[in-house]
Protein backbone atom coordinates (compact mmCIF):
# COMPACT_ATOMS: atom_id res chain seq x y z
CA MET A 1 17.68 38.93 -23.28
CA LYS A 2 15.20 36.06 -23.50
CA ILE A 3 15.09 32.44 -22.36
CA VAL A 4 15.07 30.19 -25.43
CA ASP A 5 15.45 26.71 -23.96
CA VAL A 6 15.24 24.65 -20.77
CA THR A 7 16.66 21.13 -20.61
CA VAL A 8 17.34 18.50 -17.97
CA THR A 9 20.26 16.12 -18.58
CA GLN A 10 19.75 12.93 -16.58
CA PHE A 11 23.05 11.45 -15.42
CA GLU A 12 23.84 8.54 -13.12
CA GLN A 13 25.86 8.50 -9.92
CA ALA A 14 26.97 4.92 -9.24
CA ASN A 15 28.92 3.00 -6.59
CA ILE A 16 27.07 4.65 -3.70
CA ARG A 17 27.70 2.68 -0.54
CA SER A 18 24.85 1.54 1.68
CA LEU A 19 23.58 4.38 3.88
CA SER A 20 20.43 5.35 5.77
CA PHE A 21 19.39 8.87 6.75
CA GLY A 22 16.15 8.25 8.63
CA PRO A 23 12.64 6.96 7.89
CA HIS A 24 11.78 9.89 5.62
CA ASN A 25 14.36 8.72 3.06
CA SER A 26 14.79 5.38 1.35
CA PRO A 27 18.19 3.77 2.00
CA THR A 28 20.71 4.17 -0.79
CA THR A 29 20.58 1.48 -3.47
CA GLY A 30 24.06 1.73 -5.01
CA LYS A 31 23.14 4.26 -7.69
CA SER A 32 20.91 7.26 -8.23
CA MET A 33 19.88 9.60 -11.02
CA LEU A 34 20.77 13.30 -10.93
CA GLY A 35 19.58 16.00 -13.29
CA LEU A 36 21.51 18.94 -14.72
CA VAL A 37 19.00 21.75 -15.30
CA THR A 38 20.12 24.19 -17.99
CA VAL A 39 18.33 27.46 -18.74
CA THR A 40 19.66 28.96 -22.00
CA THR A 41 19.27 32.53 -23.28
CA ASP A 42 19.29 33.96 -26.82
CA GLU A 43 22.70 35.49 -26.05
CA GLY A 44 24.25 32.09 -25.33
CA LEU A 45 24.45 32.39 -21.54
CA GLU A 46 23.41 29.39 -19.43
CA GLY A 47 22.23 29.06 -15.85
CA HIS A 48 22.45 25.72 -14.09
CA ALA A 49 21.10 23.76 -11.16
CA PHE A 50 21.02 20.11 -10.10
CA LEU A 51 18.05 17.89 -9.34
CA GLY A 52 18.16 14.74 -7.22
CA SER A 53 20.31 13.24 -4.48
CA ILE A 54 21.74 9.87 -3.48
CA THR A 55 18.37 8.94 -1.93
CA LYS A 56 15.96 10.75 -4.30
CA SER A 57 16.45 10.08 -8.00
CA SER A 58 15.56 12.92 -10.33
CA GLU A 59 13.50 11.10 -13.00
CA LEU A 60 10.01 12.22 -11.99
CA ASP A 61 11.12 15.72 -11.04
CA ALA A 62 12.88 16.18 -14.38
CA LEU A 63 9.77 15.26 -16.37
CA SER A 64 7.61 17.50 -14.19
CA LEU A 65 9.95 20.46 -14.60
CA ILE A 66 9.93 20.22 -18.38
CA ARG A 67 6.19 19.71 -18.71
CA THR A 68 5.02 22.15 -16.05
CA LEU A 69 7.60 24.92 -15.67
CA LYS A 70 9.42 25.18 -19.00
CA PRO A 71 6.39 26.72 -20.82
CA ILE A 72 6.32 29.55 -18.26
CA LEU A 73 10.01 30.36 -18.81
CA LEU A 74 10.31 30.34 -22.60
CA GLY A 75 10.49 33.81 -24.13
CA ARG A 76 10.85 35.54 -20.75
CA ASP A 77 13.60 37.82 -19.49
CA PRO A 78 15.74 35.75 -17.05
CA LEU A 79 16.33 38.82 -14.89
CA ASP A 80 12.61 38.99 -14.03
CA ARG A 81 13.28 36.52 -11.24
CA GLU A 82 10.60 37.76 -8.87
CA MET A 83 7.88 37.69 -11.51
CA LEU A 84 8.95 34.24 -12.67
CA HIS A 85 9.20 32.99 -9.10
CA GLN A 86 5.67 34.14 -8.36
CA GLN A 87 4.37 32.39 -11.48
CA ILE A 88 6.18 29.08 -11.06
CA CYS A 89 5.22 28.88 -7.37
CA LYS A 90 1.58 28.91 -8.44
CA ARG A 91 2.25 25.58 -10.17
CA PHE A 92 3.22 23.77 -6.92
CA ARG A 93 0.09 21.61 -7.20
CA SER A 94 1.31 20.26 -10.56
CA THR A 95 5.01 19.94 -9.84
CA THR A 96 7.36 19.76 -6.82
CA TRP A 97 9.14 22.37 -4.72
CA ARG A 98 12.37 20.68 -5.83
CA CYS A 99 11.60 21.63 -9.45
CA ILE A 100 10.64 25.17 -8.47
CA GLY A 101 13.85 25.47 -6.47
CA ALA A 102 16.01 24.19 -9.32
CA VAL A 103 14.57 26.70 -11.78
CA ASP A 104 15.07 29.53 -9.30
CA VAL A 105 18.70 28.53 -8.64
CA ALA A 106 19.40 28.41 -12.40
CA LEU A 107 17.91 31.90 -12.82
CA TRP A 108 20.12 33.26 -10.01
CA ASP A 109 23.13 31.59 -11.65
CA LEU A 110 22.24 33.42 -14.86
CA ALA A 111 21.78 36.71 -13.01
CA GLY A 112 25.23 36.42 -11.46
CA LYS A 113 26.81 35.66 -14.83
CA ILE A 114 25.03 38.61 -16.44
CA ALA A 115 26.17 40.93 -13.64
CA GLY A 116 29.64 39.40 -13.41
CA LEU A 117 29.16 38.84 -9.66
CA PRO A 118 28.85 35.84 -7.33
CA ILE A 119 25.29 35.23 -6.12
CA TYR A 120 26.03 35.98 -2.48
CA ARG A 121 26.99 39.55 -3.42
CA LEU A 122 23.72 39.98 -5.32
CA ILE A 123 21.86 38.79 -2.21
CA GLY A 124 23.69 41.09 0.17
CA GLY A 125 27.35 40.18 0.64
CA TYR A 126 27.52 39.69 4.40
CA ARG A 127 30.57 37.35 4.66
CA GLN A 128 32.84 34.98 2.72
CA LEU A 129 33.30 32.20 5.31
CA VAL A 130 30.81 30.27 7.45
CA PRO A 131 31.41 27.64 10.16
CA ALA A 132 30.47 24.08 9.22
CA TYR A 133 29.08 21.18 11.23
CA ALA A 134 29.03 17.47 10.43
CA SER A 135 25.73 15.60 10.29
CA SER A 136 25.70 11.84 10.82
CA PRO A 137 23.91 9.14 8.86
CA GLY A 138 22.04 6.53 10.87
CA HIS A 139 24.37 4.02 12.55
CA GLU A 140 23.69 0.62 14.05
CA SER A 141 25.74 0.98 17.23
CA VAL A 142 26.53 3.52 19.90
CA GLU A 143 30.23 2.96 19.23
CA ALA A 144 29.88 4.04 15.60
CA TYR A 145 28.49 7.43 16.67
CA VAL A 146 31.26 7.90 19.21
CA GLU A 147 33.95 7.10 16.65
CA GLU A 148 32.44 9.45 14.08
CA ALA A 149 32.00 12.26 16.60
CA LEU A 150 35.65 12.08 17.63
CA GLU A 151 36.75 12.08 14.00
CA THR A 152 34.48 15.06 13.28
CA LYS A 153 35.96 17.03 16.15
CA ALA A 154 39.50 16.17 15.03
CA ARG A 155 38.74 17.39 11.49
CA GLY A 156 37.90 20.84 12.83
CA PHE A 157 34.12 20.85 12.38
CA HIS A 158 32.40 23.27 14.74
CA ALA A 159 29.71 20.79 15.80
CA TYR A 160 28.37 17.26 15.32
CA LYS A 161 24.71 16.41 14.72
CA ILE A 162 23.25 13.00 15.47
CA HIS A 163 20.65 11.28 13.31
CA PRO A 164 19.65 8.46 15.70
CA PRO A 165 19.50 4.74 14.88
CA ARG A 166 15.65 4.39 14.79
CA LYS A 167 15.54 1.67 17.43
CA GLY A 168 13.58 3.53 20.09
CA TRP A 169 13.94 6.77 22.00
CA GLN A 170 15.74 5.08 24.89
CA LEU A 171 18.66 4.10 22.65
CA ASP A 172 18.70 7.63 21.22
CA ILE A 173 19.37 8.97 24.70
CA GLU A 174 22.15 6.41 25.20
CA VAL A 175 23.78 7.51 21.95
CA CYS A 176 23.61 11.15 23.02
CA LYS A 177 25.11 10.38 26.43
CA ALA A 178 27.97 8.36 24.94
CA VAL A 179 28.81 11.00 22.35
CA ARG A 180 28.77 13.78 24.94
CA ALA A 181 31.10 11.77 27.20
CA SER A 182 33.50 11.21 24.31
CA VAL A 183 33.80 14.76 22.93
CA GLY A 184 33.71 16.64 26.25
CA THR A 185 31.42 19.29 27.63
CA ASP A 186 32.53 22.20 25.43
CA TYR A 187 31.93 20.72 21.97
CA ARG A 188 28.62 21.57 20.28
CA LEU A 189 26.22 18.67 19.70
CA MET A 190 22.76 18.59 18.12
CA LEU A 191 20.08 15.91 17.76
CA ASP A 192 17.93 15.58 14.63
CA SER A 193 15.31 12.94 15.41
CA THR A 194 13.76 13.17 11.89
CA TRP A 195 10.11 13.58 13.00
CA MET A 196 10.06 10.19 14.78
CA TYR A 197 8.75 10.93 18.27
CA THR A 198 5.38 11.26 19.90
CA TYR A 199 4.96 14.30 22.12
CA THR A 200 5.75 12.27 25.25
CA GLU A 201 8.85 10.69 23.72
CA ALA A 202 10.05 14.07 22.46
CA LEU A 203 9.64 15.56 25.93
CA ARG A 204 11.67 12.75 27.52
CA VAL A 205 14.45 12.94 24.93
CA GLY A 206 14.43 16.74 24.99
CA ARG A 207 14.89 16.85 28.76
CA ALA A 208 17.74 14.34 28.53
CA ILE A 209 19.71 16.22 25.88
CA GLU A 210 18.97 19.49 27.61
CA GLU A 211 20.86 18.17 30.63
CA LEU A 212 23.66 17.07 28.30
CA GLY A 213 24.05 20.62 27.00
CA PHE A 214 22.97 19.94 23.39
CA TYR A 215 22.84 23.01 21.15
CA TRP A 216 19.46 22.36 19.50
CA PHE A 217 16.71 19.73 19.21
CA GLU A 218 15.72 19.31 15.56
CA ASP A 219 12.46 17.96 14.11
CA PRO A 220 11.33 15.94 17.13
CA LEU A 221 7.68 15.79 16.01
CA ALA A 222 5.77 15.32 12.77
CA GLU A 223 6.31 18.02 10.13
CA ASP A 224 3.05 19.95 10.67
CA ASP A 225 2.24 19.12 14.30
CA ILE A 226 2.20 22.78 15.35
CA TYR A 227 -0.08 22.09 18.34
CA ASN A 228 2.39 19.73 20.02
CA TYR A 229 5.42 21.80 18.98
CA VAL A 230 3.93 24.69 20.94
CA LYS A 231 3.46 22.46 24.00
CA LEU A 232 6.96 20.99 23.67
CA ARG A 233 8.62 24.39 23.38
CA GLN A 234 6.83 25.55 26.53
CA LYS A 235 8.27 22.58 28.46
CA LEU A 236 11.86 22.68 27.23
CA ASP A 237 14.67 25.22 27.45
CA ILE A 238 16.76 23.70 24.64
CA PRO A 239 16.07 25.54 21.34
CA ILE A 240 13.69 23.74 18.98
CA LEU A 241 14.55 23.70 15.27
CA ALA A 242 11.61 22.85 13.00
CA THR A 243 9.99 23.69 9.61
CA GLU A 244 12.49 21.86 7.37
CA PHE A 245 9.71 19.90 5.68
CA SER A 246 6.64 21.80 6.85
CA SER A 247 4.15 21.91 3.99
CA GLY A 248 4.60 24.60 1.36
CA GLY A 249 7.17 27.23 0.52
CA PHE A 250 7.85 30.67 1.94
CA HIS A 251 4.29 31.43 3.06
CA ALA A 252 4.10 28.27 5.19
CA TYR A 253 6.41 29.78 7.83
CA ALA A 254 3.89 32.34 9.08
CA PRO A 255 1.79 30.03 11.32
CA TRP A 256 4.95 28.65 12.97
CA ILE A 257 6.10 32.14 13.90
CA MET A 258 2.70 33.37 15.01
CA SER A 259 2.11 30.24 17.12
CA GLN A 260 5.61 30.49 18.63
CA ALA A 261 6.05 26.80 17.76
CA THR A 262 9.79 26.85 17.03
CA ASP A 263 12.87 28.80 18.08
CA TYR A 264 14.64 28.59 14.70
CA LEU A 265 13.35 28.35 11.14
CA ARG A 266 14.77 25.78 8.73
CA GLY A 267 14.92 25.34 4.95
CA ASP A 268 17.09 25.18 1.85
CA VAL A 269 16.97 25.95 -1.86
CA VAL A 270 15.62 22.47 -2.66
CA VAL A 271 12.65 21.99 -0.37
CA LYS A 272 11.38 25.57 -0.09
CA GLY A 273 11.53 26.90 -3.63
CA GLY A 274 15.01 28.19 -4.37
CA ILE A 275 17.27 31.07 -3.44
CA THR A 276 14.44 33.60 -3.71
CA ALA A 277 12.35 31.79 -1.11
CA CYS A 278 15.33 31.29 1.22
CA MET A 279 16.27 34.94 1.05
CA LYS A 280 12.71 36.01 1.90
CA THR A 281 12.56 33.54 4.78
CA ALA A 282 15.86 34.74 6.21
CA HIS A 283 14.63 38.32 6.26
CA LEU A 284 11.30 37.25 7.75
CA ALA A 285 13.16 35.41 10.50
CA GLU A 286 15.44 38.38 11.09
CA GLY A 287 12.39 40.58 11.67
CA PHE A 288 11.48 38.32 14.60
CA GLN A 289 15.10 38.04 15.85
CA MET A 290 15.16 34.39 14.77
CA THR A 291 17.88 32.27 13.21
CA TYR A 292 17.28 30.67 9.81
CA GLU A 293 19.35 27.49 9.62
CA ILE A 294 20.08 26.13 6.14
CA HIS A 295 19.54 22.42 5.52
CA HIS A 296 21.84 20.27 3.36
CA GLY A 297 20.98 20.59 -0.34
CA GLY A 298 21.16 16.92 -1.31
CA ASN A 299 23.72 17.41 -4.09
CA SER A 300 26.86 19.39 -4.84
CA LEU A 301 25.41 22.31 -6.78
CA ASN A 302 22.50 22.85 -4.37
CA ASN A 303 25.02 22.98 -1.52
CA VAL A 304 26.89 25.71 -3.37
CA ALA A 305 23.61 27.62 -3.75
CA ASN A 306 22.92 27.17 -0.02
CA LEU A 307 26.38 28.52 0.80
CA HIS A 308 25.69 31.63 -1.29
CA VAL A 309 22.47 32.18 0.65
CA MET A 310 24.31 31.86 3.97
CA CYS A 311 27.02 34.29 2.91
CA GLY A 312 24.46 36.83 1.73
CA ILE A 313 22.60 36.99 5.07
CA ARG A 314 23.45 37.49 8.75
CA ASN A 315 21.12 35.18 10.68
CA SER A 316 22.28 31.68 9.75
CA GLU A 317 24.89 30.04 11.94
CA PHE A 318 26.17 26.72 10.54
CA PHE A 319 26.73 25.14 7.13
CA GLU A 320 25.61 21.50 7.16
CA VAL A 321 27.89 18.73 5.84
CA ILE A 322 26.21 15.31 5.76
CA LEU A 323 28.55 12.39 6.38
CA PRO A 324 30.14 10.59 4.69
CA ASP A 325 30.80 13.81 2.80
CA ASP A 326 32.61 12.22 -0.14
CA VAL A 327 29.39 10.38 -1.16
CA GLN A 328 27.52 13.69 -1.29
CA LYS A 329 29.95 15.19 -3.83
CA PHE A 330 29.39 14.49 -7.52
CA GLY A 331 29.29 16.54 -10.70
CA LEU A 332 31.61 19.46 -9.87
CA ILE A 333 35.30 19.96 -10.55
CA ASN A 334 35.81 22.35 -7.62
CA ASP A 335 33.43 21.22 -4.87
CA ILE A 336 33.11 22.85 -1.44
CA GLU A 337 35.91 21.89 0.94
CA ILE A 338 35.90 22.50 4.68
CA ASP A 339 39.22 23.93 5.81
CA ALA A 340 41.27 22.96 8.87
CA ASN A 341 39.41 25.57 10.92
CA GLY A 342 36.05 24.05 10.04
CA MET A 343 35.05 26.85 7.67
CA ALA A 344 33.36 26.78 4.25
CA ARG A 345 34.38 29.51 1.78
CA VAL A 346 31.91 30.82 -0.79
CA PRO A 347 33.05 30.87 -4.46
CA GLU A 348 33.91 34.31 -5.83
CA ALA A 349 33.37 33.68 -9.56
CA ALA A 350 30.21 34.89 -11.28
CA GLY A 351 26.91 33.15 -10.60
CA LEU A 352 27.21 29.99 -8.55
CA GLY A 353 30.93 30.33 -9.16
CA VAL A 354 31.90 26.67 -9.52
CA GLU A 355 32.95 24.59 -12.50
CA ILE A 356 30.55 21.82 -13.46
CA ASP A 357 32.23 18.61 -14.61
CA PHE A 358 30.51 18.41 -17.99
CA ASN A 359 32.81 15.59 -19.15
CA LEU A 360 31.78 13.43 -16.19
CA ILE A 361 28.12 14.24 -16.85
CA ARG A 362 28.44 13.34 -20.53
CA ARG A 363 30.06 10.00 -19.66
CA ASN A 364 27.20 9.18 -17.32
CA THR A 365 24.28 10.68 -19.26
CA ILE A 366 21.19 8.48 -19.52
CA SER A 367 18.84 10.89 -21.32
CA VAL A 368 18.18 14.55 -22.08
CA LEU A 369 14.69 15.97 -21.58
CA SER A 370 13.71 19.09 -23.46
């Protein structure tokens, strides 16, 4: 079996309401471009992945994928995933990790279809259900966080994570105090400060949420500030969760582990180079008795891929659902739903195991790159 074509269908998601997810992302603008990546074989099988999100349009990534990665794939056996992964990762200087991740996800989708198995069983088959937590957008008021936290708890989510309002660390502490008072002492809460603090600010906020019994403190410092992460971890008892956007793919985790700069590792199929990279990272973390927490994938199909990773490994605790969750769902007929017990169930059909809404994509197609 050989790969004979790679295309990216650019399609538009419109009517996106105004949302902000921190200073690292542009606010939503009402519409965004997504890309359907299709890897086709000479036997007619197709593997798929999505590019883009409601805050990151796929235009530049799509062009980069076709120009930089497609020539490596043509004529190759799609089951040679490790060889292809090694080769496309060498092109990270000419493309993006999002493109590398999309190609890898599409190859795993193909592998599952060839084997007649869901991806999580190819990875390892550890479980079928994982607990989910809700992750807030940025809000303007303390009251908005309190209202959302109570709704999240009522919906059965296992935890609520705060992305603070970006108006100073003092207000962040007030938000955390108000949310804790509203949901009670037994409900899990996390804070993701999206790399905003100085070391001193992070220490003050960390000590405050430590007293409030928060479950973890995520990305308090700049992405690659290993020096200050080491200092911060020595001062705090609350677990630190970092490395979501640390530079590079799988190999970039080593200095964080060796420096003891974080308690948990973080990543997803989009930002770290696909399912292959996530699987390697999970096993690396397991060797050091560390948890590997999976970040939200930015779009529906990436979230399905993330769920397969989680269900194929042991050391990942919570599936992330970014609120409002209806805005994050587009392009699938049977998207992930969180049940009344706050659990996400992995699809059991072959490959990614979900049905892409090709009719919706055709109606909203802007261009096809090949």
